[in-house]
Amino acid sequence: FNLLIEEIRVEGERLLQEAEQELTYSFFRIF
């Protein structure tokens, strides 16, 4: 399982450092 779990761990650590974006009305209107 190492390869897959390591991919998930790397993503987890990266996403903890990354600010979450919100789905604003401006995004909603683009389509």
PDB file of all heavy atoms in Angstrom:
ATOM      1  N   PHE A   1       0.813  -1.215   0.000  1.00  0.00           N
ATOM      2  CA  PHE A   1       0.000   0.000   0.000  1.00  0.00           C
ATOM      3  C   PHE A   1       0.850   1.270   0.000  1.00  0.00           C
ATOM      4  O   PHE A   1       0.310   2.374  -0.118  1.00  0.00           O
ATOM      5  CB  PHE A   1      -0.912   0.028   1.240  1.00  0.00           C
ATOM      6  CG  PHE A   1      -2.109  -0.880   1.162  1.00  0.00           C
ATOM      7  CD1 PHE A   1      -1.992  -2.237   1.408  1.00  0.00           C
ATOM      8  CD2 PHE A   1      -3.362  -0.374   0.848  1.00  0.00           C
ATOM      9  CE1 PHE A   1      -3.090  -3.077   1.353  1.00  0.00           C
ATOM     10  CE2 PHE A   1      -4.468  -1.196   0.786  1.00  0.00           C
ATOM     11  CZ  PHE A   1      -4.338  -2.563   1.039  1.00  0.00           C
ATOM     12  N   ASN A   2       2.161   1.110   0.163  1.00  0.00           N
ATOM     13  CA  ASN A   2       3.023   2.264   0.410  1.00  0.00           C
ATOM     14  C   ASN A   2       2.906   3.363  -0.629  1.00  0.00           C
ATOM     15  O   ASN A   2       2.808   4.548  -0.303  1.00  0.00           O
ATOM     16  CB  ASN A   2       4.489   1.819   0.506  1.00  0.00           C
ATOM     17  CG  ASN A   2       4.808   1.219   1.858  1.00  0.00           C
ATOM     18  OD1 ASN A   2       3.963   1.222   2.760  1.00  0.00           O
ATOM     19  ND2 ASN A   2       6.013   0.690   2.009  1.00  0.00           N
ATOM     20  N   LEU A   3       2.941   2.976  -1.908  1.00  0.00           N
ATOM     21  CA  LEU A   3       2.975   3.962  -2.982  1.00  0.00           C
ATOM     22  C   LEU A   3       1.728   4.839  -2.943  1.00  0.00           C
ATOM     23  O   LEU A   3       1.817   6.076  -2.988  1.00  0.00           O
ATOM     24  CB  LEU A   3       3.102   3.258  -4.334  1.00  0.00           C
ATOM     25  CG  LEU A   3       3.618   4.102  -5.504  1.00  0.00           C
ATOM     26  CD1 LEU A   3       4.971   4.721  -5.164  1.00  0.00           C
ATOM     27  CD2 LEU A   3       3.718   3.252  -6.750  1.00  0.00           C
ATOM     28  N   LEU A   4       0.544   4.207  -2.860  1.00  0.00           N
ATOM     29  CA  LEU A   4      -0.702   4.956  -2.867  1.00  0.00           C
ATOM     30  C   LEU A   4      -0.853   5.794  -1.597  1.00  0.00           C
ATOM     31  O   LEU A   4      -1.232   6.970  -1.650  1.00  0.00           O
ATOM     32  CB  LEU A   4      -1.893   4.003  -3.015  1.00  0.00           C
ATOM     33  CG  LEU A   4      -3.291   4.639  -2.999  1.00  0.00           C
ATOM     34  CD1 LEU A   4      -3.404   5.752  -4.035  1.00  0.00           C
ATOM     35  CD2 LEU A   4      -4.349   3.573  -3.250  1.00  0.00           C
ATOM     36  N   ILE A   5      -0.532   5.210  -0.454  1.00  0.00           N
ATOM     37  CA  ILE A   5      -0.669   5.954   0.799  1.00  0.00           C
ATOM     38  C   ILE A   5       0.302   7.132   0.849  1.00  0.00           C
ATOM     39  O   ILE A   5      -0.050   8.219   1.338  1.00  0.00           O
ATOM     40  CB  ILE A   5      -0.481   5.012   2.003  1.00  0.00           C
ATOM     41  CG1 ILE A   5      -1.711   4.096   2.131  1.00  0.00           C
ATOM     42  CG2 ILE A   5      -0.266   5.794   3.289  1.00  0.00           C
ATOM     43  CD1 ILE A   5      -1.637   3.089   3.259  1.00  0.00           C
ATOM     44  N   GLU A   6       1.494   6.948   0.311  1.00  0.00           N
ATOM     45  CA  GLU A   6       2.451   8.056   0.293  1.00  0.00           C
ATOM     46  C   GLU A   6       1.942   9.198  -0.593  1.00  0.00           C
ATOM     47  O   GLU A   6       2.124  10.381  -0.260  1.00  0.00           O
ATOM     48  CB  GLU A   6       3.816   7.566  -0.195  1.00  0.00           C
ATOM     49  CG  GLU A   6       4.906   8.631  -0.202  1.00  0.00           C
ATOM     50  CD  GLU A   6       5.164   9.246   1.178  1.00  0.00           C
ATOM     51  OE1 GLU A   6       4.882   8.583   2.201  1.00  0.00           O
ATOM     52  OE2 GLU A   6       5.643  10.391   1.222  1.00  0.00           O
ATOM     53  N   GLU A   7       1.303   8.861  -1.718  1.00  0.00           N
ATOM     54  CA  GLU A   7       0.707   9.906  -2.568  1.00  0.00           C
ATOM     55  C   GLU A   7      -0.332  10.709  -1.796  1.00  0.00           C
ATOM     56  O   GLU A   7      -0.415  11.937  -1.925  1.00  0.00           O
ATOM     57  CB  GLU A   7       0.054   9.268  -3.798  1.00  0.00           C
ATOM     58  CG  GLU A   7       1.028   8.673  -4.795  1.00  0.00           C
ATOM     59  CD  GLU A   7       0.337   7.844  -5.869  1.00  0.00           C
ATOM     60  OE1 GLU A   7      -0.910   7.730  -5.833  1.00  0.00           O
ATOM     61  OE2 GLU A   7       1.040   7.305  -6.743  1.00  0.00           O
ATOM     62  N   ILE A   8      -1.120  10.009  -0.992  1.00  0.00           N
ATOM     63  CA  ILE A   8      -2.167  10.679  -0.206  1.00  0.00           C
ATOM     64  C   ILE A   8      -1.545  11.547   0.882  1.00  0.00           C
ATOM     65  O   ILE A   8      -1.977  12.692   1.112  1.00  0.00           O
ATOM     66  CB  ILE A   8      -3.123   9.634   0.398  1.00  0.00           C
ATOM     67  CG1 ILE A   8      -3.804   8.829  -0.713  1.00  0.00           C
ATOM     68  CG2 ILE A   8      -4.179  10.307   1.273  1.00  0.00           C
ATOM     69  CD1 ILE A   8      -4.549   7.598  -0.234  1.00  0.00           C
ATOM     70  N   ARG A   9      -0.520  11.034   1.535  1.00  0.00           N
ATOM     71  CA  ARG A   9       0.144  11.817   2.587  1.00  0.00           C
ATOM     72  C   ARG A   9       0.750  13.110   2.018  1.00  0.00           C
ATOM     73  O   ARG A   9       0.624  14.184   2.618  1.00  0.00           O
ATOM     74  CB  ARG A   9       1.243  10.992   3.259  1.00  0.00           C
ATOM     75  CG  ARG A   9       0.742   9.851   4.123  1.00  0.00           C
ATOM     76  CD  ARG A   9       1.888   9.271   4.940  1.00  0.00           C
ATOM     77  NE  ARG A   9       1.534   8.020   5.577  1.00  0.00           N
ATOM     78  CZ  ARG A   9       0.856   7.922   6.721  1.00  0.00           C
ATOM     79  NH1 ARG A   9       0.453   9.030   7.326  1.00  0.00           N
ATOM     80  NH2 ARG A   9       0.574   6.729   7.234  1.00  0.00           N
ATOM     81  N   VAL A  10       1.396  12.988   0.875  1.00  0.00           N
ATOM     82  CA  VAL A  10       2.010  14.167   0.244  1.00  0.00           C
ATOM     83  C   VAL A  10       0.934  15.203  -0.086  1.00  0.00           C
ATOM     84  O   VAL A  10       1.112  16.408   0.153  1.00  0.00           O
ATOM     85  CB  VAL A  10       2.784  13.761  -1.029  1.00  0.00           C
ATOM     86  CG1 VAL A  10       3.184  14.982  -1.846  1.00  0.00           C
ATOM     87  CG2 VAL A  10       4.020  12.948  -0.649  1.00  0.00           C
ATOM     88  N   GLU A  11      -0.192  14.738  -0.618  1.00  0.00           N
ATOM     89  CA  GLU A  11      -1.295  15.654  -0.924  1.00  0.00           C
ATOM     90  C   GLU A  11      -1.850  16.280   0.340  1.00  0.00           C
ATOM     91  O   GLU A  11      -2.170  17.474   0.381  1.00  0.00           O
ATOM     92  CB  GLU A  11      -2.413  14.926  -1.667  1.00  0.00           C
ATOM     93  CG  GLU A  11      -2.298  14.931  -3.159  1.00  0.00           C
ATOM     94  CD  GLU A  11      -2.254  16.328  -3.748  1.00  0.00           C
ATOM     95  OE1 GLU A  11      -3.310  16.985  -3.863  1.00  0.00           O
ATOM     96  OE2 GLU A  11      -1.149  16.771  -4.084  1.00  0.00           O
ATOM     97  N   GLY A  12      -1.998  15.473   1.380  1.00  0.00           N
ATOM     98  CA  GLY A  12      -2.519  15.993   2.631  1.00  0.00           C
ATOM     99  C   GLY A  12      -1.654  17.112   3.181  1.00  0.00           C
ATOM    100  O   GLY A  12      -2.154  18.174   3.585  1.00  0.00           O
ATOM    101  N   GLU A  13      -0.346  16.891   3.196  1.00  0.00           N
ATOM    102  CA  GLU A  13       0.576  17.911   3.702  1.00  0.00           C
ATOM    103  C   GLU A  13       0.533  19.164   2.834  1.00  0.00           C
ATOM    104  O   GLU A  13       0.570  20.297   3.342  1.00  0.00           O
ATOM    105  CB  GLU A  13       1.991  17.338   3.763  1.00  0.00           C
ATOM    106  CG  GLU A  13       2.149  16.251   4.821  1.00  0.00           C
ATOM    107  CD  GLU A  13       3.470  15.501   4.708  1.00  0.00           C
ATOM    108  OE1 GLU A  13       4.297  15.904   3.847  1.00  0.00           O
ATOM    109  OE2 GLU A  13       3.681  14.525   5.444  1.00  0.00           O
ATOM    110  N   ARG A  14       0.450  18.976   1.522  1.00  0.00           N
ATOM    111  CA  ARG A  14       0.393  20.132   0.617  1.00  0.00           C
ATOM    112  C   ARG A  14      -0.878  20.941   0.835  1.00  0.00           C
ATOM    113  O   ARG A  14      -0.838  22.174   0.921  1.00  0.00           O
ATOM    114  CB  ARG A  14       0.466  19.655  -0.834  1.00  0.00           C
ATOM    115  CG  ARG A  14       0.466  20.788  -1.861  1.00  0.00           C
ATOM    116  CD  ARG A  14       0.451  20.260  -3.288  1.00  0.00           C
ATOM    117  NE  ARG A  14      -0.844  19.709  -3.640  1.00  0.00           N
ATOM    118  CZ  ARG A  14      -1.882  20.445  -4.052  1.00  0.00           C
ATOM    119  NH1 ARG A  14      -1.772  21.767  -4.121  1.00  0.00           N
ATOM    120  NH2 ARG A  14      -3.014  19.868  -4.379  1.00  0.00           N
ATOM    121  N   LEU A  15      -2.014  20.242   0.944  1.00  0.00           N
ATOM    122  CA  LEU A  15      -3.293  20.945   1.063  1.00  0.00           C
ATOM    123  C   LEU A  15      -3.444  21.650   2.405  1.00  0.00           C
ATOM    124  O   LEU A  15      -4.143  22.667   2.497  1.00  0.00           O
ATOM    125  CB  LEU A  15      -4.441  19.959   0.850  1.00  0.00           C
ATOM    126  CG  LEU A  15      -4.567  19.402  -0.573  1.00  0.00           C
ATOM    127  CD1 LEU A  15      -5.654  18.336  -0.632  1.00  0.00           C
ATOM    128  CD2 LEU A  15      -4.857  20.514  -1.576  1.00  0.00           C
ATOM    129  N   LEU A  16      -2.776  21.143   3.450  1.00  0.00           N
ATOM    130  CA  LEU A  16      -2.820  21.839   4.738  1.00  0.00           C
ATOM    131  C   LEU A  16      -2.188  23.224   4.639  1.00  0.00           C
ATOM    132  O   LEU A  16      -2.583  24.153   5.359  1.00  0.00           O
ATOM    133  CB  LEU A  16      -2.084  21.028   5.811  1.00  0.00           C
ATOM    134  CG  LEU A  16      -2.820  19.830   6.411  1.00  0.00           C
ATOM    135  CD1 LEU A  16      -1.921  19.120   7.404  1.00  0.00           C
ATOM    136  CD2 LEU A  16      -4.136  20.242   7.082  1.00  0.00           C
ATOM    137  N   GLN A  17      -1.229  23.358   3.747  1.00  0.00           N
ATOM    138  CA  GLN A  17      -0.528  24.642   3.589  1.00  0.00           C
ATOM    139  C   GLN A  17      -1.199  25.564   2.582  1.00  0.00           C
ATOM    140  O   GLN A  17      -0.787  26.714   2.420  1.00  0.00           O
ATOM    141  CB  GLN A  17       0.931  24.387   3.135  1.00  0.00           C
ATOM    142  CG  GLN A  17       1.718  23.424   3.998  1.00  0.00           C
ATOM    143  CD  GLN A  17       1.727  23.810   5.457  1.00  0.00           C
ATOM    144  OE1 GLN A  17       1.920  24.988   5.785  1.00  0.00           O
ATOM    145  NE2 GLN A  17       1.514  22.851   6.347  1.00  0.00           N
ATOM    146  N   GLU A  18      -2.209  25.058   1.920  1.00  0.00           N
ATOM    147  CA  GLU A  18      -2.842  25.816   0.835  1.00  0.00           C
ATOM    148  C   GLU A  18      -4.193  26.360   1.298  1.00  0.00           C
ATOM    149  O   GLU A  18      -5.023  25.607   1.821  1.00  0.00           O
ATOM    150  CB  GLU A  18      -3.026  24.898  -0.380  1.00  0.00           C
ATOM    151  CG  GLU A  18      -3.536  25.583  -1.621  1.00  0.00           C
ATOM    152  CD  GLU A  18      -3.654  24.601  -2.778  1.00  0.00           C
ATOM    153  OE1 GLU A  18      -2.652  24.422  -3.498  1.00  0.00           O
ATOM    154  OE2 GLU A  18      -4.741  24.007  -2.958  1.00  0.00           O
ATOM    155  N   ALA A  19      -4.413  27.636   1.094  1.00  0.00           N
ATOM    156  CA  ALA A  19      -5.676  28.248   1.493  1.00  0.00           C
ATOM    157  C   ALA A  19      -6.809  27.733   0.612  1.00  0.00           C
ATOM    158  O   ALA A  19      -6.646  27.550  -0.599  1.00  0.00           O
ATOM    159  CB  ALA A  19      -5.582  29.766   1.386  1.00  0.00           C
ATOM    160  N   GLU A  20      -7.940  27.501   1.241  1.00  0.00           N
ATOM    161  CA  GLU A  20      -9.101  27.009   0.500  1.00  0.00           C
ATOM    162  C   GLU A  20      -9.808  28.156  -0.198  1.00  0.00           C
ATOM    163  O   GLU A  20     -10.017  29.226   0.377  1.00  0.00           O
ATOM    164  CB  GLU A  20     -10.080  26.325   1.456  1.00  0.00           C
ATOM    165  CG  GLU A  20     -11.313  25.774   0.770  1.00  0.00           C
ATOM    166  CD  GLU A  20     -12.387  25.390   1.772  1.00  0.00           C
ATOM    167  OE1 GLU A  20     -12.019  25.015   2.905  1.00  0.00           O
ATOM    168  OE2 GLU A  20     -13.567  25.485   1.432  1.00  0.00           O
ATOM    169  N   GLN A  21     -10.167  27.951  -1.462  1.00  0.00           N
ATOM    170  CA  GLN A  21     -10.949  28.932  -2.199  1.00  0.00           C
ATOM    171  C   GLN A  21     -12.434  28.681  -2.008  1.00  0.00           C
ATOM    172  O   GLN A  21     -12.870  27.537  -1.885  1.00  0.00           O
ATOM    173  CB  GLN A  21     -10.624  28.859  -3.698  1.00  0.00           C
ATOM    174  CG  GLN A  21      -9.447  29.709  -4.137  1.00  0.00           C
ATOM    175  CD  GLN A  21      -9.363  29.778  -5.646  1.00  0.00           C
ATOM    176  OE1 GLN A  21      -8.940  28.836  -6.296  1.00  0.00           O
ATOM    177  NE2 GLN A  21      -9.760  30.913  -6.197  1.00  0.00           N
ATOM    178  N   GLU A  22     -13.205  29.757  -2.013  1.00  0.00           N
ATOM    179  CA  GLU A  22     -14.650  29.624  -1.921  1.00  0.00           C
ATOM    180  C   GLU A  22     -15.288  29.793  -3.292  1.00  0.00           C
ATOM    181  O   GLU A  22     -14.723  30.436  -4.195  1.00  0.00           O
ATOM    182  CB  GLU A  22     -15.215  30.656  -0.943  1.00  0.00           C
ATOM    183  CG  GLU A  22     -14.907  30.361   0.514  1.00  0.00           C
ATOM    184  CD  GLU A  22     -15.503  29.049   0.999  1.00  0.00           C
ATOM    185  OE1 GLU A  22     -16.571  28.630   0.489  1.00  0.00           O
ATOM    186  OE2 GLU A  22     -14.898  28.423   1.891  1.00  0.00           O
ATOM    187  N   LEU A  23     -16.467  29.240  -3.441  1.00  0.00           N
ATOM    188  CA  LEU A  23     -17.219  29.352  -4.687  1.00  0.00           C
ATOM    189  C   LEU A  23     -18.058  30.626  -4.626  1.00  0.00           C
ATOM    190  O   LEU A  23     -19.185  30.628  -4.151  1.00  0.00           O
ATOM    191  CB  LEU A  23     -18.103  28.120  -4.881  1.00  0.00           C
ATOM    192  CG  LEU A  23     -17.347  26.833  -5.199  1.00  0.00           C
ATOM    193  CD1 LEU A  23     -18.262  25.624  -5.089  1.00  0.00           C
ATOM    194  CD2 LEU A  23     -16.735  26.901  -6.596  1.00  0.00           C
ATOM    195  N   THR A  24     -17.486  31.703  -5.120  1.00  0.00           N
ATOM    196  CA  THR A  24     -18.147  33.007  -5.056  1.00  0.00           C
ATOM    197  C   THR A  24     -19.231  33.134  -6.122  1.00  0.00           C
ATOM    198  O   THR A  24     -19.312  32.342  -7.063  1.00  0.00           O
ATOM    199  CB  THR A  24     -17.115  34.122  -5.269  1.00  0.00           C
ATOM    200  OG1 THR A  24     -16.581  33.995  -6.603  1.00  0.00           O
ATOM    201  CG2 THR A  24     -15.981  34.027  -4.255  1.00  0.00           C
ATOM    202  N   TYR A  25     -20.046  34.171  -5.973  1.00  0.00           N
ATOM    203  CA  TYR A  25     -21.076  34.454  -6.972  1.00  0.00           C
ATOM    204  C   TYR A  25     -20.443  34.763  -8.331  1.00  0.00           C
ATOM    205  O   TYR A  25     -20.981  34.387  -9.369  1.00  0.00           O
ATOM    206  CB  TYR A  25     -21.939  35.638  -6.515  1.00  0.00           C
ATOM    207  CG  TYR A  25     -22.999  36.026  -7.522  1.00  0.00           C
ATOM    208  CD1 TYR A  25     -24.061  35.158  -7.812  1.00  0.00           C
ATOM    209  CD2 TYR A  25     -22.944  37.242  -8.188  1.00  0.00           C
ATOM    210  CE1 TYR A  25     -25.034  35.504  -8.742  1.00  0.00           C
ATOM    211  CE2 TYR A  25     -23.911  37.601  -9.110  1.00  0.00           C
ATOM    212  CZ  TYR A  25     -24.951  36.726  -9.389  1.00  0.00           C
ATOM    213  OH  TYR A  25     -25.913  37.068 -10.305  1.00  0.00           O
ATOM    214  N   SER A  26     -19.288  35.399  -8.312  1.00  0.00           N
ATOM    215  CA  SER A  26     -18.601  35.714  -9.579  1.00  0.00           C
ATOM    216  C   SER A  26     -18.254  34.435 -10.337  1.00  0.00           C
ATOM    217  O   SER A  26     -18.411  34.373 -11.563  1.00  0.00           O
ATOM    218  CB  SER A  26     -17.331  36.523  -9.299  1.00  0.00           C
ATOM    219  OG  SER A  26     -17.654  37.765  -8.710  1.00  0.00           O
ATOM    220  N   PHE A  27     -17.781  33.434  -9.628  1.00  0.00           N
ATOM    221  CA  PHE A  27     -17.505  32.143 -10.273  1.00  0.00           C
ATOM    222  C   PHE A  27     -18.802  31.529 -10.796  1.00  0.00           C
ATOM    223  O   PHE A  27     -18.845  30.994 -11.910  1.00  0.00           O
ATOM    224  CB  PHE A  27     -16.856  31.171  -9.285  1.00  0.00           C
ATOM    225  CG  PHE A  27     -15.393  31.408  -9.046  1.00  0.00           C
ATOM    226  CD1 PHE A  27     -14.881  31.443  -7.755  1.00  0.00           C
ATOM    227  CD2 PHE A  27     -14.505  31.576 -10.097  1.00  0.00           C
ATOM    228  CE1 PHE A  27     -13.531  31.641  -7.518  1.00  0.00           C
ATOM    229  CE2 PHE A  27     -13.158  31.788  -9.881  1.00  0.00           C
ATOM    230  CZ  PHE A  27     -12.665  31.818  -8.586  1.00  0.00           C
ATOM    231  N   PHE A  28     -19.847  31.599  -9.986  1.00  0.00           N
ATOM    232  CA  PHE A  28     -21.127  30.981 -10.349  1.00  0.00           C
ATOM    233  C   PHE A  28     -21.690  31.572 -11.636  1.00  0.00           C
ATOM    234  O   PHE A  28     -22.299  30.864 -12.445  1.00  0.00           O
ATOM    235  CB  PHE A  28     -22.120  31.171  -9.193  1.00  0.00           C
ATOM    236  CG  PHE A  28     -23.434  30.461  -9.379  1.00  0.00           C
ATOM    237  CD1 PHE A  28     -23.565  29.110  -9.084  1.00  0.00           C
ATOM    238  CD2 PHE A  28     -24.545  31.138  -9.864  1.00  0.00           C
ATOM    239  CE1 PHE A  28     -24.769  28.446  -9.249  1.00  0.00           C
ATOM    240  CE2 PHE A  28     -25.765  30.483 -10.039  1.00  0.00           C
ATOM    241  CZ  PHE A  28     -25.870  29.138  -9.734  1.00  0.00           C
ATOM    242  N   ARG A  29     -21.471  32.870 -11.863  1.00  0.00           N
ATOM    243  CA  ARG A  29     -22.074  33.558 -13.004  1.00  0.00           C
ATOM    244  C   ARG A  29     -21.324  33.351 -14.316  1.00  0.00           C
ATOM    245  O   ARG A  29     -21.866  33.632 -15.379  1.00  0.00           O
ATOM    246  CB  ARG A  29     -22.130  35.058 -12.724  1.00  0.00           C
ATOM    247  CG  ARG A  29     -23.155  35.470 -11.693  1.00  0.00           C
ATOM    248  CD  ARG A  29     -24.558  35.299 -12.223  1.00  0.00           C
ATOM    249  NE  ARG A  29     -24.809  36.090 -13.426  1.00  0.00           N
ATOM    250  CZ  ARG A  29     -25.869  35.950 -14.212  1.00  0.00           C
ATOM    251  NH1 ARG A  29     -26.766  35.023 -13.920  1.00  0.00           N
ATOM    252  NH2 ARG A  29     -26.029  36.701 -15.280  1.00  0.00           N
ATOM    253  N   ILE A  30     -20.092  32.879 -14.266  1.00  0.00           N
ATOM    254  CA  ILE A  30     -19.262  32.842 -15.477  1.00  0.00           C
ATOM    255  C   ILE A  30     -19.886  31.989 -16.573  1.00  0.00           C
ATOM    256  O   ILE A  30     -19.896  32.376 -17.746  1.00  0.00           O
ATOM    257  CB  ILE A  30     -17.839  32.347 -15.139  1.00  0.00           C
ATOM    258  CG1 ILE A  30     -17.094  33.412 -14.338  1.00  0.00           C
ATOM    259  CG2 ILE A  30     -17.056  32.001 -16.412  1.00  0.00           C
ATOM    260  CD1 ILE A  30     -15.744  32.975 -13.814  1.00  0.00           C
ATOM    261  N   PHE A  31     -20.435  30.815 -16.214  1.00  0.00           N
ATOM    262  CA  PHE A  31     -21.007  29.946 -17.241  1.00  0.00           C
ATOM    263  C   PHE A  31     -22.168  30.633 -17.949  1.00  0.00           C
ATOM    264  O   PHE A  31     -22.288  30.559 -19.178  1.00  0.00           O
ATOM    265  CB  PHE A  31     -21.474  28.624 -16.632  1.00  0.00           C
ATOM    266  CG  PHE A  31     -22.085  27.688 -17.636  1.00  0.00           C
ATOM    267  CD1 PHE A  31     -21.288  26.976 -18.511  1.00  0.00           C
ATOM    268  CD2 PHE A  31     -23.465  27.550 -17.723  1.00  0.00           C
ATOM    269  CE1 PHE A  31     -21.848  26.119 -19.454  1.00  0.00           C
ATOM    270  CE2 PHE A  31     -24.037  26.705 -18.656  1.00  0.00           C
ATOM    271  CZ  PHE A  31     -23.223  25.987 -19.529  1.00  0.00           C
TER     272      PHE A  31
END
